[in-house]
Amino acid sequence: MDAVMLRALDSGRVAGADFFTRLFAANRLGDVLAFLDGDSRPPREFVMGLTTPVAAMSLSTADHLWYSLRSRVPAPSREGCHGAVGGQPLSVRTLSAREPRCPSASRRASPVPRQPGPAV
């Protein structure tokens, strides 16, 4: 929850002086100090969070979760399926002549024209 509080302060969603005045006025000093030291428990942090601007803190929580998850998921390759395979550049050994490069390649016309069969 410390990261959410810092994000709310940094983004300007809450004013620092007002936030801390309200936090210390509505909660016991020991609980606030434990929270600031990172020694508090989630249930107590939740109760303490209700004494802060809930809308701004909720938005900051969603913002924090979004950027935390976004930083953990690797960005898609700009090359798409026609470029690198598994992070390695395409080479002659990577693809055989019978394998399409990507799923959309199987819908394309065959690169080798087919010879018509004997007329029946």
PDB file of N, CA and C in Angstrom:
ATOM      1  N   MET A   1       0.816  -1.199   0.000  1.00  0.00           N
ATOM      2  CA  MET A   1       0.000   0.000   0.000  1.00  0.00           C
ATOM      3  C   MET A   1       0.857   1.259   0.000  1.00  0.00           C
ATOM      4  N   ASP A   2       2.109   1.127   0.424  1.00  0.00           N
ATOM      5  CA  ASP A   2       2.990   2.290   0.386  1.00  0.00           C
ATOM      6  C   ASP A   2       3.161   2.802  -1.037  1.00  0.00           C
ATOM      7  N   ALA A   3       3.305   1.879  -1.978  1.00  0.00           N
ATOM      8  CA  ALA A   3       3.492   2.270  -3.376  1.00  0.00           C
ATOM      9  C   ALA A   3       2.267   3.011  -3.903  1.00  0.00           C
ATOM     10  N   VAL A   4       1.085   2.589  -3.476  1.00  0.00           N
ATOM     11  CA  VAL A   4      -0.154   3.256  -3.904  1.00  0.00           C
ATOM     12  C   VAL A   4      -0.198   4.663  -3.328  1.00  0.00           C
ATOM     13  N   MET A   5       0.174   4.789  -2.054  1.00  0.00           N
ATOM     14  CA  MET A   5       0.188   6.112  -1.424  1.00  0.00           C
ATOM     15  C   MET A   5       1.175   7.039  -2.144  1.00  0.00           C
ATOM     16  N   LEU A   6       2.355   6.526  -2.453  1.00  0.00           N
ATOM     17  CA  LEU A   6       3.349   7.349  -3.153  1.00  0.00           C
ATOM     18  C   LEU A   6       2.877   7.720  -4.550  1.00  0.00           C
ATOM     19  N   ARG A   7       2.203   6.795  -5.237  1.00  0.00           N
ATOM     20  CA  ARG A   7       1.675   7.106  -6.567  1.00  0.00           C
ATOM     21  C   ARG A   7       0.597   8.182  -6.491  1.00  0.00           C
ATOM     22  N   ALA A   8      -0.260   8.119  -5.478  1.00  0.00           N
ATOM     23  CA  ALA A   8      -1.311   9.133  -5.315  1.00  0.00           C
ATOM     24  C   ALA A   8      -0.705  10.503  -5.036  1.00  0.00           C
ATOM     25  N   LEU A   9       0.323  10.523  -4.221  1.00  0.00           N
ATOM     26  CA  LEU A   9       0.994  11.799  -3.929  1.00  0.00           C
ATOM     27  C   LEU A   9       1.735  12.326  -5.158  1.00  0.00           C
ATOM     28  N   ASP A  10       2.454  11.427  -5.838  1.00  0.00           N
ATOM     29  CA  ASP A  10       3.234  11.832  -7.000  1.00  0.00           C
ATOM     30  C   ASP A  10       2.362  12.325  -8.143  1.00  0.00           C
ATOM     31  N   SER A  11       1.213  11.688  -8.326  1.00  0.00           N
ATOM     32  CA  SER A  11       0.321  12.076  -9.423  1.00  0.00           C
ATOM     33  C   SER A  11      -0.446  13.364  -9.128  1.00  0.00           C
ATOM     34  N   GLY A  12      -0.450  13.791  -7.868  1.00  0.00           N
ATOM     35  CA  GLY A  12      -1.189  14.990  -7.502  1.00  0.00           C
ATOM     36  C   GLY A  12      -2.655  14.730  -7.214  1.00  0.00           C
ATOM     37  N   ARG A  13      -3.043  13.459  -7.149  1.00  0.00           N
ATOM     38  CA  ARG A  13      -4.447  13.143  -6.845  1.00  0.00           C
ATOM     39  C   ARG A  13      -4.802  13.538  -5.418  1.00  0.00           C
ATOM     40  N   VAL A  14      -3.816  13.487  -4.531  1.00  0.00           N
ATOM     41  CA  VAL A  14      -4.022  13.933  -3.146  1.00  0.00           C
ATOM     42  C   VAL A  14      -2.924  14.934  -2.793  1.00  0.00           C
ATOM     43  N   ALA A  15      -3.266  15.891  -1.957  1.00  0.00           N
ATOM     44  CA  ALA A  15      -2.297  16.875  -1.478  1.00  0.00           C
ATOM     45  C   ALA A  15      -1.569  16.285  -0.273  1.00  0.00           C
ATOM     46  N   GLY A  16      -0.263  16.373  -0.256  1.00  0.00           N
ATOM     47  CA  GLY A  16       0.543  15.755   0.788  1.00  0.00           C
ATOM     48  C   GLY A  16       0.199  16.193   2.195  1.00  0.00           C
ATOM     49  N   ALA A  17       0.138  17.499   2.424  1.00  0.00           N
ATOM     50  CA  ALA A  17      -0.123  18.004   3.779  1.00  0.00           C
ATOM     51  C   ALA A  17      -1.503  17.576   4.273  1.00  0.00           C
ATOM     52  N   ASP A  18      -2.505  17.711   3.430  1.00  0.00           N
ATOM     53  CA  ASP A  18      -3.867  17.321   3.803  1.00  0.00           C
ATOM     54  C   ASP A  18      -3.965  15.814   4.018  1.00  0.00           C
ATOM     55  N   PHE A  19      -3.300  15.053   3.169  1.00  0.00           N
ATOM     56  CA  PHE A  19      -3.328  13.598   3.269  1.00  0.00           C
ATOM     57  C   PHE A  19      -2.764  13.133   4.620  1.00  0.00           C
ATOM     58  N   PHE A  20      -1.574  13.642   4.992  1.00  0.00           N
ATOM     59  CA  PHE A  20      -0.948  13.199   6.233  1.00  0.00           C
ATOM     60  C   PHE A  20      -1.655  13.745   7.470  1.00  0.00           C
ATOM     61  N   THR A  21      -2.193  14.963   7.382  1.00  0.00           N
ATOM     62  CA  THR A  21      -2.965  15.504   8.506  1.00  0.00           C
ATOM     63  C   THR A  21      -4.164  14.611   8.782  1.00  0.00           C
ATOM     64  N   ARG A  22      -4.865  14.256   7.736  1.00  0.00           N
ATOM     65  CA  ARG A  22      -6.041  13.398   7.868  1.00  0.00           C
ATOM     66  C   ARG A  22      -5.660  11.988   8.342  1.00  0.00           C
ATOM     67  N   LEU A  23      -4.540  11.463   7.825  1.00  0.00           N
ATOM     68  CA  LEU A  23      -4.091  10.125   8.189  1.00  0.00           C
ATOM     69  C   LEU A  23      -3.731  10.044   9.670  1.00  0.00           C
ATOM     70  N   PHE A  24      -2.982  11.054  10.184  1.00  0.00           N
ATOM     71  CA  PHE A  24      -2.579  11.039  11.594  1.00  0.00           C
ATOM     72  C   PHE A  24      -3.737  11.385  12.525  1.00  0.00           C
ATOM     73  N   ALA A  25      -4.667  12.218  12.070  1.00  0.00           N
ATOM     74  CA  ALA A  25      -5.793  12.595  12.925  1.00  0.00           C
ATOM     75  C   ALA A  25      -6.785  11.445  13.119  1.00  0.00           C
ATOM     76  N   ALA A  26      -6.954  10.617  12.119  1.00  0.00           N
ATOM     77  CA  ALA A  26      -7.975   9.570  12.173  1.00  0.00           C
ATOM     78  C   ALA A  26      -7.452   8.212  12.656  1.00  0.00           C
ATOM     79  N   ASN A  27      -6.148   8.075  12.813  1.00  0.00           N
ATOM     80  CA  ASN A  27      -5.573   6.778  13.186  1.00  0.00           C
ATOM     81  C   ASN A  27      -4.582   6.937  14.337  1.00  0.00           C
ATOM     82  N   ARG A  28      -4.342   5.825  15.038  1.00  0.00           N
ATOM     83  CA  ARG A  28      -3.363   5.860  16.127  1.00  0.00           C
ATOM     84  C   ARG A  28      -1.966   6.057  15.551  1.00  0.00           C
ATOM     85  N   LEU A  29      -1.126   6.773  16.268  1.00  0.00           N
ATOM     86  CA  LEU A  29       0.222   7.079  15.815  1.00  0.00           C
ATOM     87  C   LEU A  29       1.013   5.798  15.536  1.00  0.00           C
ATOM     88  N   GLY A  30       0.908   4.806  16.417  1.00  0.00           N
ATOM     89  CA  GLY A  30       1.636   3.551  16.233  1.00  0.00           C
ATOM     90  C   GLY A  30       1.235   2.821  14.960  1.00  0.00           C
ATOM     91  N   ASP A  31      -0.058   2.867  14.625  1.00  0.00           N
ATOM     92  CA  ASP A  31      -0.533   2.215  13.401  1.00  0.00           C
ATOM     93  C   ASP A  31      -0.011   2.927  12.152  1.00  0.00           C
ATOM     94  N   VAL A  32      -0.019   4.253  12.202  1.00  0.00           N
ATOM     95  CA  VAL A  32       0.467   5.012  11.048  1.00  0.00           C
ATOM     96  C   VAL A  32       1.961   4.784  10.855  1.00  0.00           C
ATOM     97  N   LEU A  33       2.721   4.817  11.961  1.00  0.00           N
ATOM     98  CA  LEU A  33       4.167   4.598  11.851  1.00  0.00           C
ATOM     99  C   LEU A  33       4.473   3.180  11.376  1.00  0.00           C
ATOM    100  N   ALA A  34       3.711   2.203  11.845  1.00  0.00           N
ATOM    101  CA  ALA A  34       3.901   0.825  11.369  1.00  0.00           C
ATOM    102  C   ALA A  34       3.608   0.737   9.877  1.00  0.00           C
ATOM    103  N   PHE A  35       2.576   1.447   9.423  1.00  0.00           N
ATOM    104  CA  PHE A  35       2.244   1.472   8.003  1.00  0.00           C
ATOM    105  C   PHE A  35       3.379   2.103   7.198  1.00  0.00           C
ATOM    106  N   LEU A  36       3.880   3.224   7.664  1.00  0.00           N
ATOM    107  CA  LEU A  36       4.946   3.914   6.944  1.00  0.00           C
ATOM    108  C   LEU A  36       6.251   3.117   6.943  1.00  0.00           C
ATOM    109  N   ASP A  37       6.467   2.293   7.980  1.00  0.00           N
ATOM    110  CA  ASP A  37       7.659   1.442   8.046  1.00  0.00           C
ATOM    111  C   ASP A  37       7.488   0.139   7.274  1.00  0.00           C
ATOM    112  N   GLY A  38       6.264  -0.148   6.826  1.00  0.00           N
ATOM    113  CA  GLY A  38       6.006  -1.385   6.108  1.00  0.00           C
ATOM    114  C   GLY A  38       5.771  -2.573   7.024  1.00  0.00           C
ATOM    115  N   ASP A  39       5.471  -2.313   8.296  1.00  0.00           N
ATOM    116  CA  ASP A  39       5.255  -3.386   9.267  1.00  0.00           C
ATOM    117  C   ASP A  39       3.789  -3.641   9.589  1.00  0.00           C
ATOM    118  N   SER A  40       2.887  -2.979   8.880  1.00  0.00           N
ATOM    119  CA  SER A  40       1.463  -3.162   9.185  1.00  0.00           C
ATOM    120  C   SER A  40       0.908  -4.339   8.398  1.00  0.00           C
ATOM    121  N   ARG A  41      -0.249  -4.809   8.819  1.00  0.00           N
ATOM    122  CA  ARG A  41      -0.907  -5.944   8.164  1.00  0.00           C
ATOM    123  C   ARG A  41      -1.992  -5.433   7.221  1.00  0.00           C
ATOM    124  N   PRO A  42      -2.275  -6.194   6.158  1.00  0.00           N
ATOM    125  CA  PRO A  42      -3.279  -5.750   5.169  1.00  0.00           C
ATOM    126  C   PRO A  42      -4.637  -5.380   5.750  1.00  0.00           C
ATOM    127  N   PRO A  43      -5.209  -6.117   6.736  1.00  0.00           N
ATOM    128  CA  PRO A  43      -6.514  -5.677   7.256  1.00  0.00           C
ATOM    129  C   PRO A  43      -6.442  -4.287   7.894  1.00  0.00           C
ATOM    130  N   ARG A  44      -5.368  -4.024   8.622  1.00  0.00           N
ATOM    131  CA  ARG A  44      -5.217  -2.708   9.251  1.00  0.00           C
ATOM    132  C   ARG A  44      -4.976  -1.631   8.197  1.00  0.00           C
ATOM    133  N   GLU A  45      -4.235  -1.971   7.156  1.00  0.00           N
ATOM    134  CA  GLU A  45      -4.007  -1.013   6.068  1.00  0.00           C
ATOM    135  C   GLU A  45      -5.317  -0.667   5.373  1.00  0.00           C
ATOM    136  N   PHE A  46      -6.183  -1.664   5.223  1.00  0.00           N
ATOM    137  CA  PHE A  46      -7.484  -1.420   4.589  1.00  0.00           C
ATOM    138  C   PHE A  46      -8.315  -0.452   5.424  1.00  0.00           C
ATOM    139  N   VAL A  47      -8.377  -0.688   6.746  1.00  0.00           N
ATOM    140  CA  VAL A  47      -9.136   0.194   7.641  1.00  0.00           C
ATOM    141  C   VAL A  47      -8.540   1.594   7.621  1.00  0.00           C
ATOM    142  N   MET A  48      -7.220   1.670   7.608  1.00  0.00           N
ATOM    143  CA  MET A  48      -6.554   2.972   7.566  1.00  0.00           C
ATOM    144  C   MET A  48      -6.819   3.662   6.229  1.00  0.00           C
ATOM    145  N   GLY A  49      -6.901   2.870   5.165  1.00  0.00           N
ATOM    146  CA  GLY A  49      -7.169   3.438   3.850  1.00  0.00           C
ATOM    147  C   GLY A  49      -8.532   4.089   3.746  1.00  0.00           C
ATOM    148  N   LEU A  50      -9.480   3.622   4.553  1.00  0.00           N
ATOM    149  CA  LEU A  50     -10.819   4.228   4.537  1.00  0.00           C
ATOM    150  C   LEU A  50     -10.830   5.628   5.130  1.00  0.00           C
ATOM    151  N   THR A  51      -9.756   6.008   5.842  1.00  0.00           N
ATOM    152  CA  THR A  51      -9.675   7.361   6.405  1.00  0.00           C
ATOM    153  C   THR A  51      -8.984   8.325   5.440  1.00  0.00           C
ATOM    154  N   THR A  52      -8.612   7.839   4.264  1.00  0.00           N
ATOM    155  CA  THR A  52      -7.974   8.682   3.247  1.00  0.00           C
ATOM    156  C   THR A  52      -8.999   8.983   2.157  1.00  0.00           C
ATOM    157  N   PRO A  53      -8.679   9.863   1.195  1.00  0.00           N
ATOM    158  CA  PRO A  53      -9.597  10.105   0.071  1.00  0.00           C
ATOM    159  C   PRO A  53      -9.764   8.816  -0.752  1.00  0.00           C
ATOM    160  N   VAL A  54     -10.880   8.134  -0.570  1.00  0.00           N
ATOM    161  CA  VAL A  54     -11.081   6.800  -1.130  1.00  0.00           C
ATOM    162  C   VAL A  54     -11.065   6.811  -2.660  1.00  0.00           C
ATOM    163  N   ALA A  55     -11.713   7.756  -3.283  1.00  0.00           N
ATOM    164  CA  ALA A  55     -11.760   7.783  -4.755  1.00  0.00           C
ATOM    165  C   ALA A  55     -10.364   7.951  -5.347  1.00  0.00           C
ATOM    166  N   ALA A  56      -9.605   8.898  -4.824  1.00  0.00           N
ATOM    167  CA  ALA A  56      -8.251   9.137  -5.335  1.00  0.00           C
ATOM    168  C   ALA A  56      -7.342   7.945  -5.086  1.00  0.00           C
ATOM    169  N   MET A  57      -7.480   7.323  -3.920  1.00  0.00           N
ATOM    170  CA  MET A  57      -6.648   6.171  -3.598  1.00  0.00           C
ATOM    171  C   MET A  57      -7.067   4.949  -4.425  1.00  0.00           C
ATOM    172  N   SER A  58      -8.346   4.800  -4.713  1.00  0.00           N
ATOM    173  CA  SER A  58      -8.805   3.692  -5.546  1.00  0.00           C
ATOM    174  C   SER A  58      -8.265   3.825  -6.965  1.00  0.00           C
ATOM    175  N   LEU A  59      -8.306   5.034  -7.490  1.00  0.00           N
ATOM    176  CA  LEU A  59      -7.766   5.281  -8.822  1.00  0.00           C
ATOM    177  C   LEU A  59      -6.258   5.028  -8.849  1.00  0.00           C
ATOM    178  N   SER A  60      -5.574   5.437  -7.788  1.00  0.00           N
ATOM    179  CA  SER A  60      -4.129   5.198  -7.704  1.00  0.00           C
ATOM    180  C   SER A  60      -3.823   3.713  -7.574  1.00  0.00           C
ATOM    181  N   THR A  61      -4.688   2.956  -6.882  1.00  0.00           N
ATOM    182  CA  THR A  61      -4.512   1.511  -6.769  1.00  0.00           C
ATOM    183  C   THR A  61      -4.642   0.855  -8.135  1.00  0.00           C
ATOM    184  N   ALA A  62      -5.668   1.230  -8.883  1.00  0.00           N
ATOM    185  CA  ALA A  62      -5.858   0.681 -10.226  1.00  0.00           C
ATOM    186  C   ALA A  62      -4.690   1.058 -11.133  1.00  0.00           C
ATOM    187  N   ASP A  63      -4.237   2.290 -11.028  1.00  0.00           N
ATOM    188  CA  ASP A  63      -3.111   2.777 -11.808  1.00  0.00           C
ATOM    189  C   ASP A  63      -1.850   1.969 -11.477  1.00  0.00           C
ATOM    190  N   HIS A  64      -1.607   1.758 -10.197  1.00  0.00           N
ATOM    191  CA  HIS A  64      -0.438   1.002  -9.754  1.00  0.00           C
ATOM    192  C   HIS A  64      -0.494  -0.444 -10.252  1.00  0.00           C
ATOM    193  N   LEU A  65      -1.654  -1.075 -10.146  1.00  0.00           N
ATOM    194  CA  LEU A  65      -1.805  -2.453 -10.627  1.00  0.00           C
ATOM    195  C   LEU A  65      -1.591  -2.546 -12.135  1.00  0.00           C
ATOM    196  N   TRP A  66      -2.146  -1.592 -12.871  1.00  0.00           N
ATOM    197  CA  TRP A  66      -2.009  -1.588 -14.329  1.00  0.00           C
ATOM    198  C   TRP A  66      -0.542  -1.528 -14.730  1.00  0.00           C
ATOM    199  N   TYR A  67       0.206  -0.595 -14.151  1.00  0.00           N
ATOM    200  CA  TYR A  67       1.605  -0.453 -14.540  1.00  0.00           C
ATOM    201  C   TYR A  67       2.469  -1.587 -14.001  1.00  0.00           C
ATOM    202  N   SER A  68       2.101  -2.182 -12.869  1.00  0.00           N
ATOM    203  CA  SER A  68       2.838  -3.335 -12.351  1.00  0.00           C
ATOM    204  C   SER A  68       2.665  -4.533 -13.274  1.00  0.00           C
ATOM    205  N   LEU A  69       1.430  -4.793 -13.687  1.00  0.00           N
ATOM    206  CA  LEU A  69       1.179  -5.915 -14.594  1.00  0.00           C
ATOM    207  C   LEU A  69       1.768  -5.664 -15.972  1.00  0.00           C
ATOM    208  N   ARG A  70       1.669  -4.450 -16.428  1.00  0.00           N
ATOM    209  CA  ARG A  70       2.174  -4.101 -17.756  1.00  0.00           C
ATOM    210  C   ARG A  70       3.685  -4.281 -17.841  1.00  0.00           C
ATOM    211  N   SER A  71       4.375  -3.987 -16.745  1.00  0.00           N
ATOM    212  CA  SER A  71       5.827  -4.122 -16.766  1.00  0.00           C
ATOM    213  C   SER A  71       6.268  -5.579 -16.694  1.00  0.00           C
ATOM    214  N   ARG A  72       5.396  -6.484 -16.258  1.00  0.00           N
ATOM    215  CA  ARG A  72       5.742  -7.904 -16.159  1.00  0.00           C
ATOM    216  C   ARG A  72       5.474  -8.675 -17.442  1.00  0.00           C
ATOM    217  N   VAL A  73       4.587  -8.178 -18.280  1.00  0.00           N
ATOM    218  CA  VAL A  73       4.234  -8.866 -19.515  1.00  0.00           C
ATOM    219  C   VAL A  73       5.162  -8.361 -20.612  1.00  0.00           C
ATOM    220  N   PRO A  74       5.868  -9.263 -21.310  1.00  0.00           N
ATOM    221  CA  PRO A  74       6.775  -8.804 -22.361  1.00  0.00           C
ATOM    222  C   PRO A  74       5.999  -8.182 -23.518  1.00  0.00           C
ATOM    223  N   ALA A  75       6.590  -7.169 -24.095  1.00  0.00           N
ATOM    224  CA  ALA A  75       5.962  -6.494 -25.224  1.00  0.00           C
ATOM    225  C   ALA A  75       5.967  -7.414 -26.434  1.00  0.00           C
ATOM    226  N   PRO A  76       4.915  -7.369 -27.256  1.00  0.00           N
ATOM    227  CA  PRO A  76       4.898  -8.212 -28.451  1.00  0.00           C
ATOM    228  C   PRO A  76       5.974  -7.769 -29.426  1.00  0.00           C
ATOM    229  N   SER A  77       6.455  -8.714 -30.219  1.00  0.00           N
ATOM    230  CA  SER A  77       7.479  -8.416 -31.208  1.00  0.00           C
ATOM    231  C   SER A  77       6.904  -7.502 -32.272  1.00  0.00           C
ATOM    232  N   ARG A  78       7.666  -6.522 -32.685  1.00  0.00           N
ATOM    233  CA  ARG A  78       7.216  -5.627 -33.758  1.00  0.00           C
ATOM    234  C   ARG A  78       7.292  -6.323 -35.111  1.00  0.00           C
ATOM    235  N   GLU A  79       8.068  -7.390 -35.157  1.00  0.00           N
ATOM    236  CA  GLU A  79       8.236  -8.121 -36.397  1.00  0.00           C
ATOM    237  C   GLU A  79       6.996  -8.931 -36.745  1.00  0.00           C
ATOM    238  N   GLY A  80       6.204  -9.296 -35.740  1.00  0.00           N
ATOM    239  CA  GLY A  80       5.045 -10.130 -35.988  1.00  0.00           C
ATOM    240  C   GLY A  80       5.486 -11.543 -36.325  1.00  0.00           C
ATOM    241  N   CYS A  81       4.628 -12.309 -36.958  1.00  0.00           N
ATOM    242  CA  CYS A  81       4.963 -13.699 -37.228  1.00  0.00           C
ATOM    243  C   CYS A  81       5.881 -13.834 -38.425  1.00  0.00           C
ATOM    244  N   HIS A  82       6.137 -12.774 -39.168  1.00  0.00           N
ATOM    245  CA  HIS A  82       7.015 -12.853 -40.330  1.00  0.00           C
ATOM    246  C   HIS A  82       8.458 -12.547 -39.961  1.00  0.00           C
ATOM    247  N   GLY A  83       8.696 -12.175 -38.712  1.00  0.00           N
ATOM    248  CA  GLY A  83      10.052 -11.822 -38.304  1.00  0.00           C
ATOM    249  C   GLY A  83      10.668 -12.893 -37.449  1.00  0.00           C
ATOM    250  N   ALA A  84      11.043 -12.535 -36.236  1.00  0.00           N
ATOM    251  CA  ALA A  84      11.752 -13.445 -35.359  1.00  0.00           C
ATOM    252  C   ALA A  84      10.840 -14.551 -34.840  1.00  0.00           C
ATOM    253  N   VAL A  85      11.405 -15.721 -34.638  1.00  0.00           N
ATOM    254  CA  VAL A  85      10.695 -16.855 -34.058  1.00  0.00           C
ATOM    255  C   VAL A  85      11.375 -17.175 -32.746  1.00  0.00           C
ATOM    256  N   GLY A  86      10.651 -17.055 -31.634  1.00  0.00           N
ATOM    257  CA  GLY A  86      11.243 -17.356 -30.341  1.00  0.00           C
ATOM    258  C   GLY A  86      12.403 -16.450 -30.001  1.00  0.00           C
ATOM    259  N   GLY A  87      12.385 -15.229 -30.486  1.00  0.00           N
ATOM    260  CA  GLY A  87      13.461 -14.294 -30.193  1.00  0.00           C
ATOM    261  C   GLY A  87      14.664 -14.458 -31.108  1.00  0.00           C
ATOM    262  N   GLN A  88      14.640 -15.454 -31.997  1.00  0.00           N
ATOM    263  CA  GLN A  88      15.749 -15.695 -32.911  1.00  0.00           C
ATOM    264  C   GLN A  88      15.358 -15.231 -34.309  1.00  0.00           C
ATOM    265  N   PRO A  89      16.303 -14.667 -35.060  1.00  0.00           N
ATOM    266  CA  PRO A  89      15.972 -14.262 -36.420  1.00  0.00           C
ATOM    267  C   PRO A  89      15.660 -15.475 -37.288  1.00  0.00           C
ATOM    268  N   LEU A  90      14.832 -15.266 -38.292  1.00  0.00           N
ATOM    269  CA  LEU A  90      14.501 -16.347 -39.210  1.00  0.00           C
ATOM    270  C   LEU A  90      15.733 -16.724 -40.019  1.00  0.00           C
ATOM    271  N   SER A  91      15.880 -17.998 -40.269  1.00  0.00           N
ATOM    272  CA  SER A  91      16.976 -18.462 -41.113  1.00  0.00           C
ATOM    273  C   SER A  91      16.442 -19.589 -41.973  1.00  0.00           C
ATOM    274  N   VAL A  92      17.267 -20.063 -42.858  1.00  0.00           N
ATOM    275  CA  VAL A  92      16.851 -21.142 -43.730  1.00  0.00           C
ATOM    276  C   VAL A  92      16.546 -22.384 -42.916  1.00  0.00           C
ATOM    277  N   ARG A  93      17.306 -22.642 -41.862  1.00  0.00           N
ATOM    278  CA  ARG A  93      17.088 -23.817 -41.033  1.00  0.00           C
ATOM    279  C   ARG A  93      15.812 -23.710 -40.202  1.00  0.00           C
ATOM    280  N   THR A  94      15.383 -22.502 -39.872  1.00  0.00           N
ATOM    281  CA  THR A  94      14.239 -22.304 -39.002  1.00  0.00           C
ATOM    282  C   THR A  94      12.956 -22.803 -39.644  1.00  0.00           C
ATOM    283  N   LEU A  95      12.811 -22.537 -40.932  1.00  0.00           N
ATOM    284  CA  LEU A  95      11.565 -22.894 -41.619  1.00  0.00           C
ATOM    285  C   LEU A  95      11.847 -23.883 -42.737  1.00  0.00           C
ATOM    286  N   SER A  96      11.011 -24.866 -42.854  1.00  0.00           N
ATOM    287  CA  SER A  96      11.126 -25.757 -44.009  1.00  0.00           C
ATOM    288  C   SER A  96      10.237 -25.206 -45.110  1.00  0.00           C
ATOM    289  N   ALA A  97      10.410 -25.696 -46.289  1.00  0.00           N
ATOM    290  CA  ALA A  97       9.635 -25.194 -47.431  1.00  0.00           C
ATOM    291  C   ALA A  97       8.157 -25.504 -47.288  1.00  0.00           C
ATOM    292  N   ARG A  98       7.808 -26.526 -46.507  1.00  0.00           N
ATOM    293  CA  ARG A  98       6.415 -26.927 -46.392  1.00  0.00           C
ATOM    294  C   ARG A  98       5.689 -26.215 -45.259  1.00  0.00           C
ATOM    295  N   GLU A  99       6.411 -25.586 -44.342  1.00  0.00           N
ATOM    296  CA  GLU A  99       5.780 -24.922 -43.195  1.00  0.00           C
ATOM    297  C   GLU A  99       5.485 -23.472 -43.531  1.00  0.00           C
ATOM    298  N   PRO A 100       4.283 -23.007 -43.266  1.00  0.00           N
ATOM    299  CA  PRO A 100       4.020 -21.580 -43.460  1.00  0.00           C
ATOM    300  C   PRO A 100       4.724 -20.780 -42.368  1.00  0.00           C
ATOM    301  N   ARG A 101       5.077 -19.551 -42.664  1.00  0.00           N
ATOM    302  CA  ARG A 101       5.748 -18.691 -41.696  1.00  0.00           C
ATOM    303  C   ARG A 101       4.825 -18.300 -40.556  1.00  0.00           C
ATOM    304  N   CYS A 102       3.566 -18.121 -40.837  1.00  0.00           N
ATOM    305  CA  CYS A 102       2.610 -17.756 -39.805  1.00  0.00           C
ATOM    306  C   CYS A 102       1.235 -18.267 -40.227  1.00  0.00           C
ATOM    307  N   PRO A 103       0.266 -18.235 -39.319  1.00  0.00           N
ATOM    308  CA  PRO A 103      -1.061 -18.760 -39.665  1.00  0.00           C
ATOM    309  C   PRO A 103      -1.681 -18.117 -40.888  1.00  0.00           C
ATOM    310  N   SER A 104      -1.421 -16.830 -41.118  1.00  0.00           N
ATOM    311  CA  SER A 104      -2.038 -16.169 -42.266  1.00  0.00           C
ATOM    312  C   SER A 104      -1.440 -16.650 -43.575  1.00  0.00           C
ATOM    313  N   ALA A 105      -0.219 -17.225 -43.532  1.00  0.00           N
ATOM    314  CA  ALA A 105       0.420 -17.692 -44.753  1.00  0.00           C
ATOM    315  C   ALA A 105      -0.314 -18.882 -45.347  1.00  0.00           C
ATOM    316  N   SER A 106      -0.981 -19.660 -44.524  1.00  0.00           N
ATOM    317  CA  SER A 106      -1.686 -20.830 -45.041  1.00  0.00           C
ATOM    318  C   SER A 106      -2.912 -20.441 -45.854  1.00  0.00           C
ATOM    319  N   ARG A 107      -3.408 -19.232 -45.681  1.00  0.00           N
ATOM    320  CA  ARG A 107      -4.582 -18.775 -46.439  1.00  0.00           C
ATOM    321  C   ARG A 107      -4.190 -18.167 -47.779  1.00  0.00           C
ATOM    322  N   ARG A 108      -2.913 -17.903 -47.971  1.00  0.00           N
ATOM    323  CA  ARG A 108      -2.464 -17.285 -49.213  1.00  0.00           C
ATOM    324  C   ARG A 108      -2.375 -18.328 -50.322  1.00  0.00           C
ATOM    325  N   ALA A 109      -2.258 -17.842 -51.536  1.00  0.00           N
ATOM    326  CA  ALA A 109      -2.079 -18.749 -52.670  1.00  0.00           C
ATOM    327  C   ALA A 109      -0.717 -19.412 -52.556  1.00  0.00           C
ATOM    328  N   SER A 110      -0.626 -20.596 -53.047  1.00  0.00           N
ATOM    329  CA  SER A 110       0.626 -21.340 -53.000  1.00  0.00           C
ATOM    330  C   SER A 110       1.681 -20.607 -53.809  1.00  0.00           C
ATOM    331  N   PRO A 111       2.924 -20.506 -53.308  1.00  0.00           N
ATOM    332  CA  PRO A 111       3.951 -19.792 -54.052  1.00  0.00           C
ATOM    333  C   PRO A 111       4.360 -20.526 -55.332  1.00  0.00           C
ATOM    334  N   VAL A 112       4.160 -21.839 -55.408  1.00  0.00           N
ATOM    335  CA  VAL A 112       4.506 -22.611 -56.589  1.00  0.00           C
ATOM    336  C   VAL A 112       3.215 -22.919 -57.339  1.00  0.00           C
ATOM    337  N   PRO A 113       3.086 -22.447 -58.585  1.00  0.00           N
ATOM    338  CA  PRO A 113       1.852 -22.728 -59.316  1.00  0.00           C
ATOM    339  C   PRO A 113       1.690 -24.228 -59.562  1.00  0.00           C
ATOM    340  N   ARG A 114       0.492 -24.700 -59.408  1.00  0.00           N
ATOM    341  CA  ARG A 114       0.217 -26.123 -59.620  1.00  0.00           C
ATOM    342  C   ARG A 114       0.010 -26.389 -61.108  1.00  0.00           C
ATOM    343  N   GLN A 115       0.533 -27.499 -61.519  1.00  0.00           N
ATOM    344  CA  GLN A 115       0.355 -27.897 -62.917  1.00  0.00           C
ATOM    345  C   GLN A 115      -1.001 -28.603 -63.058  1.00  0.00           C
ATOM    346  N   PRO A 116      -1.743 -28.279 -64.088  1.00  0.00           N
ATOM    347  CA  PRO A 116      -3.021 -28.951 -64.251  1.00  0.00           C
ATOM    348  C   PRO A 116      -2.801 -30.447 -64.529  1.00  0.00           C
ATOM    349  N   GLY A 117      -3.676 -31.254 -63.996  1.00  0.00           N
ATOM    350  CA  GLY A 117      -3.598 -32.687 -64.217  1.00  0.00           C
ATOM    351  C   GLY A 117      -4.074 -33.073 -65.612  1.00  0.00           C
ATOM    352  N   PRO A 118      -3.966 -34.326 -65.957  1.00  0.00           N
ATOM    353  CA  PRO A 118      -4.419 -34.760 -67.301  1.00  0.00           C
ATOM    354  C   PRO A 118      -5.938 -34.612 -67.423  1.00  0.00           C
ATOM    355  N   ALA A 119      -6.378 -34.241 -68.574  1.00  0.00           N
ATOM    356  CA  ALA A 119      -7.811 -34.070 -68.812  1.00  0.00           C
ATOM    357  C   ALA A 119      -8.478 -35.428 -68.836  1.00  0.00           C
ATOM    358  N   VAL A 120      -9.609 -35.510 -68.224  1.00  0.00           N
ATOM    359  CA  VAL A 120     -10.319 -36.771 -68.162  1.00  0.00           C
ATOM    360  C   VAL A 120     -11.477 -36.781 -69.101  1.00  0.00           C
TER     361      VAL A 120
END
